Amino acid sequence: MALLLVFAHSVQGREATDLEVEAWSGLLADVDAAEAMEAARAHFRTESRPLWPADIRRATVDKLSGVDAWMADRS
C-alpha cells in the first residue's frame, strides 16, 4: 500500500504519510496489490481529480462482485 500511495501522491504532487498508508491499508485490505496499482494507473490516465480508496475498490473488488451493475440498475 505504501508503494501505491507513493505513486499516487507523486502524480498529485504530495507526500504520503504513515497515517495515510495505515488508513488505505485498512480500507483496501482485500484488494490485490498489483490490481490496486493497475487501477491507480488507469485512474490517472483518464481522471484529473485525486485518487481515493473508493476509486480503487470500484475498479477492482466492486467491479468483480457486480456492484457496478447493481448501481447502474438503480440509476
PDB file of N, CA and C in Angstrom:
ATOM      1  N   MET A   1       0.822  -1.188   0.000  1.00  0.00           N
ATOM      2  CA  MET A   1       0.000   0.000   0.000  1.00  0.00           C
ATOM      3  C   MET A   1       0.866   1.251   0.000  1.00  0.00           C
ATOM      4  N   ALA A   2       1.981   1.173   0.683  1.00  0.00           N
ATOM      5  CA  ALA A   2       2.884   2.325   0.702  1.00  0.00           C
ATOM      6  C   ALA A   2       3.338   2.673  -0.717  1.00  0.00           C
ATOM      7  N   LEU A   3       3.663   1.666  -1.497  1.00  0.00           N
ATOM      8  CA  LEU A   3       4.095   1.905  -2.872  1.00  0.00           C
ATOM      9  C   LEU A   3       2.978   2.546  -3.695  1.00  0.00           C
ATOM     10  N   LEU A   4       1.758   2.082  -3.515  1.00  0.00           N
ATOM     11  CA  LEU A   4       0.615   2.659  -4.221  1.00  0.00           C
ATOM     12  C   LEU A   4       0.451   4.131  -3.863  1.00  0.00           C
ATOM     13  N   LEU A   5       0.531   4.449  -2.578  1.00  0.00           N
ATOM     14  CA  LEU A   5       0.374   5.844  -2.161  1.00  0.00           C
ATOM     15  C   LEU A   5       1.528   6.717  -2.617  1.00  0.00           C
ATOM     16  N   VAL A   6       2.729   6.196  -2.587  1.00  0.00           N
ATOM     17  CA  VAL A   6       3.877   6.973  -3.085  1.00  0.00           C
ATOM     18  C   VAL A   6       3.668   7.290  -4.562  1.00  0.00           C
ATOM     19  N   PHE A   7       3.232   6.293  -5.330  1.00  0.00           N
ATOM     20  CA  PHE A   7       2.953   6.518  -6.751  1.00  0.00           C
ATOM     21  C   PHE A   7       1.852   7.571  -6.922  1.00  0.00           C
ATOM     22  N   ALA A   8       0.715   7.358  -6.271  1.00  0.00           N
ATOM     23  CA  ALA A   8      -0.429   8.263  -6.431  1.00  0.00           C
ATOM     24  C   ALA A   8      -0.089   9.684  -5.992  1.00  0.00           C
ATOM     25  N   HIS A   9       0.563   9.803  -4.865  1.00  0.00           N
ATOM     26  CA  HIS A   9       0.878  11.132  -4.369  1.00  0.00           C
ATOM     27  C   HIS A   9       1.957  11.814  -5.202  1.00  0.00           C
ATOM     28  N   SER A  10       2.842  11.051  -5.802  1.00  0.00           N
ATOM     29  CA  SER A  10       3.846  11.690  -6.665  1.00  0.00           C
ATOM     30  C   SER A  10       3.181  12.283  -7.900  1.00  0.00           C
ATOM     31  N   VAL A  11       2.173  11.603  -8.413  1.00  0.00           N
ATOM     32  CA  VAL A  11       1.415  12.148  -9.545  1.00  0.00           C
ATOM     33  C   VAL A  11       0.674  13.411  -9.117  1.00  0.00           C
ATOM     34  N   GLN A  12       0.173  13.406  -7.888  1.00  0.00           N
ATOM     35  CA  GLN A  12      -0.629  14.519  -7.378  1.00  0.00           C
ATOM     36  C   GLN A  12       0.207  15.610  -6.709  1.00  0.00           C
ATOM     37  N   GLY A  13       1.530  15.415  -6.651  1.00  0.00           N
ATOM     38  CA  GLY A  13       2.399  16.419  -6.061  1.00  0.00           C
ATOM     39  C   GLY A  13       2.318  16.496  -4.545  1.00  0.00           C
ATOM     40  N   ARG A  14       2.126  15.349  -3.909  1.00  0.00           N
ATOM     41  CA  ARG A  14       2.021  15.293  -2.448  1.00  0.00           C
ATOM     42  C   ARG A  14       2.968  14.239  -1.898  1.00  0.00           C
ATOM     43  N   GLU A  15       3.097  14.207  -0.581  1.00  0.00           N
ATOM     44  CA  GLU A  15       3.870  13.166   0.083  1.00  0.00           C
ATOM     45  C   GLU A  15       2.922  12.282   0.872  1.00  0.00           C
ATOM     46  N   ALA A  16       3.115  10.982   0.805  1.00  0.00           N
ATOM     47  CA  ALA A  16       2.311  10.040   1.572  1.00  0.00           C
ATOM     48  C   ALA A  16       2.780  10.023   3.021  1.00  0.00           C
ATOM     49  N   THR A  17       1.837   9.973   3.942  1.00  0.00           N
ATOM     50  CA  THR A  17       2.173   9.902   5.359  1.00  0.00           C
ATOM     51  C   THR A  17       1.934   8.480   5.871  1.00  0.00           C
ATOM     52  N   ASP A  18       2.533   8.164   7.001  1.00  0.00           N
ATOM     53  CA  ASP A  18       2.333   6.858   7.622  1.00  0.00           C
ATOM     54  C   ASP A  18       0.861   6.632   7.967  1.00  0.00           C
ATOM     55  N   LEU A  19       0.183   7.678   8.407  1.00  0.00           N
ATOM     56  CA  LEU A  19      -1.227   7.574   8.757  1.00  0.00           C
ATOM     57  C   LEU A  19      -2.078   7.235   7.531  1.00  0.00           C
ATOM     58  N   GLU A  20      -1.765   7.863   6.397  1.00  0.00           N
ATOM     59  CA  GLU A  20      -2.490   7.547   5.158  1.00  0.00           C
ATOM     60  C   GLU A  20      -2.263   6.097   4.747  1.00  0.00           C
ATOM     61  N   VAL A  21      -1.033   5.638   4.829  1.00  0.00           N
ATOM     62  CA  VAL A  21      -0.731   4.244   4.482  1.00  0.00           C
ATOM     63  C   VAL A  21      -1.548   3.311   5.351  1.00  0.00           C
ATOM     64  N   GLU A  22      -1.623   3.582   6.642  1.00  0.00           N
ATOM     65  CA  GLU A  22      -2.394   2.745   7.558  1.00  0.00           C
ATOM     66  C   GLU A  22      -3.882   2.774   7.212  1.00  0.00           C
ATOM     67  N   ALA A  23      -4.416   3.955   6.958  1.00  0.00           N
ATOM     68  CA  ALA A  23      -5.838   4.084   6.631  1.00  0.00           C
ATOM     69  C   ALA A  23      -6.174   3.377   5.327  1.00  0.00           C
ATOM     70  N   TRP A  24      -5.393   3.626   4.281  1.00  0.00           N
ATOM     71  CA  TRP A  24      -5.648   3.000   2.987  1.00  0.00           C
ATOM     72  C   TRP A  24      -5.485   1.485   3.082  1.00  0.00           C
ATOM     73  N   SER A  25      -4.523   1.026   3.856  1.00  0.00           N
ATOM     74  CA  SER A  25      -4.312  -0.415   4.019  1.00  0.00           C
ATOM     75  C   SER A  25      -5.542  -1.070   4.619  1.00  0.00           C
ATOM     76  N   GLY A  26      -6.141  -0.430   5.585  1.00  0.00           N
ATOM     77  CA  GLY A  26      -7.356  -0.971   6.186  1.00  0.00           C
ATOM     78  C   GLY A  26      -8.533  -0.974   5.233  1.00  0.00           C
ATOM     79  N   LEU A  27      -8.661   0.081   4.461  1.00  0.00           N
ATOM     80  CA  LEU A  27      -9.786   0.199   3.526  1.00  0.00           C
ATOM     81  C   LEU A  27      -9.652  -0.725   2.319  1.00  0.00           C
ATOM     82  N   LEU A  28      -8.412  -1.068   1.976  1.00  0.00           N
ATOM     83  CA  LEU A  28      -8.171  -1.884   0.780  1.00  0.00           C
ATOM     84  C   LEU A  28      -7.513  -3.224   1.109  1.00  0.00           C
ATOM     85  N   ALA A  29      -7.731  -3.710   2.316  1.00  0.00           N
ATOM     86  CA  ALA A  29      -7.076  -4.949   2.761  1.00  0.00           C
ATOM     87  C   ALA A  29      -7.412  -6.148   1.872  1.00  0.00           C
ATOM     88  N   ASP A  30      -8.576  -6.147   1.271  1.00  0.00           N
ATOM     89  CA  ASP A  30      -8.995  -7.286   0.447  1.00  0.00           C
ATOM     90  C   ASP A  30      -8.679  -7.104  -1.040  1.00  0.00           C
ATOM     91  N   VAL A  31      -7.940  -6.071  -1.381  1.00  0.00           N
ATOM     92  CA  VAL A  31      -7.604  -5.791  -2.781  1.00  0.00           C
ATOM     93  C   VAL A  31      -6.172  -6.242  -3.058  1.00  0.00           C
ATOM     94  N   ASP A  32      -5.999  -6.987  -4.126  1.00  0.00           N
ATOM     95  CA  ASP A  32      -4.673  -7.427  -4.559  1.00  0.00           C
ATOM     96  C   ASP A  32      -3.811  -6.207  -4.897  1.00  0.00           C
ATOM     97  N   ALA A  33      -2.578  -6.201  -4.421  1.00  0.00           N
ATOM     98  CA  ALA A  33      -1.690  -5.047  -4.601  1.00  0.00           C
ATOM     99  C   ALA A  33      -1.445  -4.722  -6.067  1.00  0.00           C
ATOM    100  N   ALA A  34      -1.211  -5.731  -6.887  1.00  0.00           N
ATOM    101  CA  ALA A  34      -0.968  -5.482  -8.318  1.00  0.00           C
ATOM    102  C   ALA A  34      -2.208  -4.911  -8.994  1.00  0.00           C
ATOM    103  N   GLU A  35      -3.383  -5.415  -8.627  1.00  0.00           N
ATOM    104  CA  GLU A  35      -4.627  -4.891  -9.195  1.00  0.00           C
ATOM    105  C   GLU A  35      -4.867  -3.450  -8.747  1.00  0.00           C
ATOM    106  N   ALA A  36      -4.533  -3.161  -7.494  1.00  0.00           N
ATOM    107  CA  ALA A  36      -4.694  -1.799  -6.979  1.00  0.00           C
ATOM    108  C   ALA A  36      -3.785  -0.827  -7.734  1.00  0.00           C
ATOM    109  N   MET A  37      -2.563  -1.235  -7.985  1.00  0.00           N
ATOM    110  CA  MET A  37      -1.628  -0.374  -8.712  1.00  0.00           C
ATOM    111  C   MET A  37      -2.106  -0.141 -10.144  1.00  0.00           C
ATOM    112  N   GLU A  38      -2.597  -1.178 -10.796  1.00  0.00           N
ATOM    113  CA  GLU A  38      -3.112  -1.012 -12.159  1.00  0.00           C
ATOM    114  C   GLU A  38      -4.334  -0.096 -12.160  1.00  0.00           C
ATOM    115  N   ALA A  39      -5.186  -0.228 -11.162  1.00  0.00           N
ATOM    116  CA  ALA A  39      -6.354   0.657 -11.055  1.00  0.00           C
ATOM    117  C   ALA A  39      -5.914   2.107 -10.873  1.00  0.00           C
ATOM    118  N   ALA A  40      -4.866   2.328 -10.094  1.00  0.00           N
ATOM    119  CA  ALA A  40      -4.344   3.685  -9.908  1.00  0.00           C
ATOM    120  C   ALA A  40      -3.799   4.240 -11.221  1.00  0.00           C
ATOM    121  N   ARG A  41      -3.056   3.439 -11.935  1.00  0.00           N
ATOM    122  CA  ARG A  41      -2.524   3.900 -13.236  1.00  0.00           C
ATOM    123  C   ARG A  41      -3.665   4.248 -14.192  1.00  0.00           C
ATOM    124  N   ALA A  42      -4.666   3.384 -14.240  1.00  0.00           N
ATOM    125  CA  ALA A  42      -5.815   3.628 -15.122  1.00  0.00           C
ATOM    126  C   ALA A  42      -6.542   4.907 -14.711  1.00  0.00           C
ATOM    127  N   HIS A  43      -6.675   5.135 -13.418  1.00  0.00           N
ATOM    128  CA  HIS A  43      -7.340   6.338 -12.926  1.00  0.00           C
ATOM    129  C   HIS A  43      -6.634   7.590 -13.440  1.00  0.00           C
ATOM    130  N   PHE A  44      -5.324   7.619 -13.311  1.00  0.00           N
ATOM    131  CA  PHE A  44      -4.580   8.818 -13.708  1.00  0.00           C
ATOM    132  C   PHE A  44      -4.470   8.981 -15.223  1.00  0.00           C
ATOM    133  N   ARG A  45      -4.733   7.933 -15.966  1.00  0.00           N
ATOM    134  CA  ARG A  45      -4.769   8.068 -17.436  1.00  0.00           C
ATOM    135  C   ARG A  45      -6.013   8.817 -17.891  1.00  0.00           C
ATOM    136  N   THR A  46      -7.094   8.729 -17.103  1.00  0.00           N
ATOM    137  CA  THR A  46      -8.375   9.283 -17.559  1.00  0.00           C
ATOM    138  C   THR A  46      -8.974  10.348 -16.654  1.00  0.00           C
ATOM    139  N   GLU A  47      -8.459  10.502 -15.453  1.00  0.00           N
ATOM    140  CA  GLU A  47      -9.040  11.434 -14.476  1.00  0.00           C
ATOM    141  C   GLU A  47      -8.054  12.536 -14.109  1.00  0.00           C
ATOM    142  N   SER A  48      -8.586  13.710 -13.832  1.00  0.00           N
ATOM    143  CA  SER A  48      -7.734  14.808 -13.368  1.00  0.00           C
ATOM    144  C   SER A  48      -7.968  15.093 -11.889  1.00  0.00           C
ATOM    145  N   ARG A  49      -8.812  14.331 -11.255  1.00  0.00           N
ATOM    146  CA  ARG A  49      -9.086  14.513  -9.827  1.00  0.00           C
ATOM    147  C   ARG A  49      -8.235  13.553  -8.997  1.00  0.00           C
ATOM    148  N   PRO A  50      -8.116  13.809  -7.697  1.00  0.00           N
ATOM    149  CA  PRO A  50      -7.318  12.933  -6.840  1.00  0.00           C
ATOM    150  C   PRO A  50      -7.865  11.500  -6.797  1.00  0.00           C
ATOM    151  N   LEU A  51      -7.002  10.591  -6.448  1.00  0.00           N
ATOM    152  CA  LEU A  51      -7.352   9.188  -6.285  1.00  0.00           C
ATOM    153  C   LEU A  51      -7.760   8.932  -4.844  1.00  0.00           C
ATOM    154  N   TRP A  52      -8.836   8.157  -4.665  1.00  0.00           N
ATOM    155  CA  TRP A  52      -9.325   7.801  -3.338  1.00  0.00           C
ATOM    156  C   TRP A  52      -9.481   6.287  -3.252  1.00  0.00           C
ATOM    157  N   PRO A  53      -9.524   5.739  -2.040  1.00  0.00           N
ATOM    158  CA  PRO A  53      -9.708   4.293  -1.902  1.00  0.00           C
ATOM    159  C   PRO A  53     -10.948   3.777  -2.637  1.00  0.00           C
ATOM    160  N   ALA A  54     -12.009   4.543  -2.647  1.00  0.00           N
ATOM    161  CA  ALA A  54     -13.230   4.119  -3.352  1.00  0.00           C
ATOM    162  C   ALA A  54     -12.981   3.922  -4.845  1.00  0.00           C
ATOM    163  N   ASP A  55     -12.095   4.720  -5.432  1.00  0.00           N
ATOM    164  CA  ASP A  55     -11.758   4.560  -6.849  1.00  0.00           C
ATOM    165  C   ASP A  55     -11.098   3.206  -7.088  1.00  0.00           C
ATOM    166  N   ILE A  56     -10.211   2.827  -6.175  1.00  0.00           N
ATOM    167  CA  ILE A  56      -9.536   1.530  -6.298  1.00  0.00           C
ATOM    168  C   ILE A  56     -10.547   0.401  -6.124  1.00  0.00           C
ATOM    169  N   ARG A  57     -11.429   0.516  -5.127  1.00  0.00           N
ATOM    170  CA  ARG A  57     -12.439  -0.512  -4.885  1.00  0.00           C
ATOM    171  C   ARG A  57     -13.354  -0.677  -6.094  1.00  0.00           C
ATOM    172  N   ARG A  58     -13.812   0.440  -6.666  1.00  0.00           N
ATOM    173  CA  ARG A  58     -14.713   0.358  -7.829  1.00  0.00           C
ATOM    174  C   ARG A  58     -14.048  -0.345  -9.003  1.00  0.00           C
ATOM    175  N   ALA A  59     -12.753  -0.131  -9.174  1.00  0.00           N
ATOM    176  CA  ALA A  59     -12.031  -0.715 -10.310  1.00  0.00           C
ATOM    177  C   ALA A  59     -11.612  -2.162 -10.062  1.00  0.00           C
ATOM    178  N   THR A  60     -11.705  -2.633  -8.844  1.00  0.00           N
ATOM    179  CA  THR A  60     -11.232  -3.983  -8.527  1.00  0.00           C
ATOM    180  C   THR A  60     -12.340  -4.813  -7.893  1.00  0.00           C
ATOM    181  N   VAL A  61     -12.453  -4.783  -6.605  1.00  0.00           N
ATOM    182  CA  VAL A  61     -13.376  -5.632  -5.852  1.00  0.00           C
ATOM    183  C   VAL A  61     -14.824  -5.425  -6.262  1.00  0.00           C
ATOM    184  N   ASP A  62     -15.295  -4.183  -6.284  1.00  0.00           N
ATOM    185  CA  ASP A  62     -16.691  -3.917  -6.607  1.00  0.00           C
ATOM    186  C   ASP A  62     -17.040  -4.337  -8.025  1.00  0.00           C
ATOM    187  N   LYS A  63     -16.127  -4.123  -8.944  1.00  0.00           N
ATOM    188  CA  LYS A  63     -16.355  -4.498 -10.340  1.00  0.00           C
ATOM    189  C   LYS A  63     -16.530  -6.008 -10.453  1.00  0.00           C
ATOM    190  N   LEU A  64     -15.698  -6.741  -9.744  1.00  0.00           N
ATOM    191  CA  LEU A  64     -15.753  -8.199  -9.792  1.00  0.00           C
ATOM    192  C   LEU A  64     -16.991  -8.751  -9.110  1.00  0.00           C
ATOM    193  N   SER A  65     -17.493  -8.057  -8.100  1.00  0.00           N
ATOM    194  CA  SER A  65     -18.637  -8.570  -7.349  1.00  0.00           C
ATOM    195  C   SER A  65     -19.975  -8.146  -7.941  1.00  0.00           C
ATOM    196  N   GLY A  66     -19.938  -7.368  -8.999  1.00  0.00           N
ATOM    197  CA  GLY A  66     -21.178  -6.955  -9.643  1.00  0.00           C
ATOM    198  C   GLY A  66     -21.793  -5.701  -9.061  1.00  0.00           C
ATOM    199  N   VAL A  67     -21.116  -5.001  -8.180  1.00  0.00           N
ATOM    200  CA  VAL A  67     -21.652  -3.784  -7.596  1.00  0.00           C
ATOM    201  C   VAL A  67     -21.888  -2.735  -8.669  1.00  0.00           C
ATOM    202  N   ASP A  68     -21.018  -2.636  -9.662  1.00  0.00           N
ATOM    203  CA  ASP A  68     -21.194  -1.664 -10.737  1.00  0.00           C
ATOM    204  C   ASP A  68     -22.522  -1.902 -11.466  1.00  0.00           C
ATOM    205  N   ALA A  69     -22.814  -3.149 -11.771  1.00  0.00           N
ATOM    206  CA  ALA A  69     -24.072  -3.471 -12.456  1.00  0.00           C
ATOM    207  C   ALA A  69     -25.251  -3.160 -11.564  1.00  0.00           C
ATOM    208  N   TRP A  70     -25.148  -3.472 -10.285  1.00  0.00           N
ATOM    209  CA  TRP A  70     -26.229  -3.195  -9.353  1.00  0.00           C
ATOM    210  C   TRP A  70     -26.494  -1.704  -9.257  1.00  0.00           C
ATOM    211  N   MET A  71     -25.416  -0.907  -9.176  1.00  0.00           N
ATOM    212  CA  MET A  71     -25.566   0.542  -9.096  1.00  0.00           C
ATOM    213  C   MET A  71     -26.173   1.104 -10.377  1.00  0.00           C
ATOM    214  N   ALA A  72     -25.787   0.580 -11.511  1.00  0.00           N
ATOM    215  CA  ALA A  72     -26.310   1.043 -12.789  1.00  0.00           C
ATOM    216  C   ALA A  72     -27.809   0.780 -12.877  1.00  0.00           C
ATOM    217  N   ASP A  73     -28.254  -0.344 -12.359  1.00  0.00           N
ATOM    218  CA  ASP A  73     -29.677  -0.666 -12.367  1.00  0.00           C
ATOM    219  C   ASP A  73     -30.482   0.288 -11.509  1.00  0.00           C
ATOM    220  N   ARG A  74     -29.870   0.911 -10.535  1.00  0.00           N
ATOM    221  CA  ARG A  74     -30.556   1.824  -9.614  1.00  0.00           C
ATOM    222  C   ARG A  74     -30.630   3.241 -10.179  1.00  0.00           C
ATOM    223  N   SER A  75     -29.895   3.533 -11.242  1.00  0.00           N
ATOM    224  CA  SER A  75     -29.861   4.893 -11.793  1.00  0.00           C
ATOM    225  C   SER A  75     -31.067   5.177 -12.655  1.00  0.00           C
TER     226      SER A  75
END
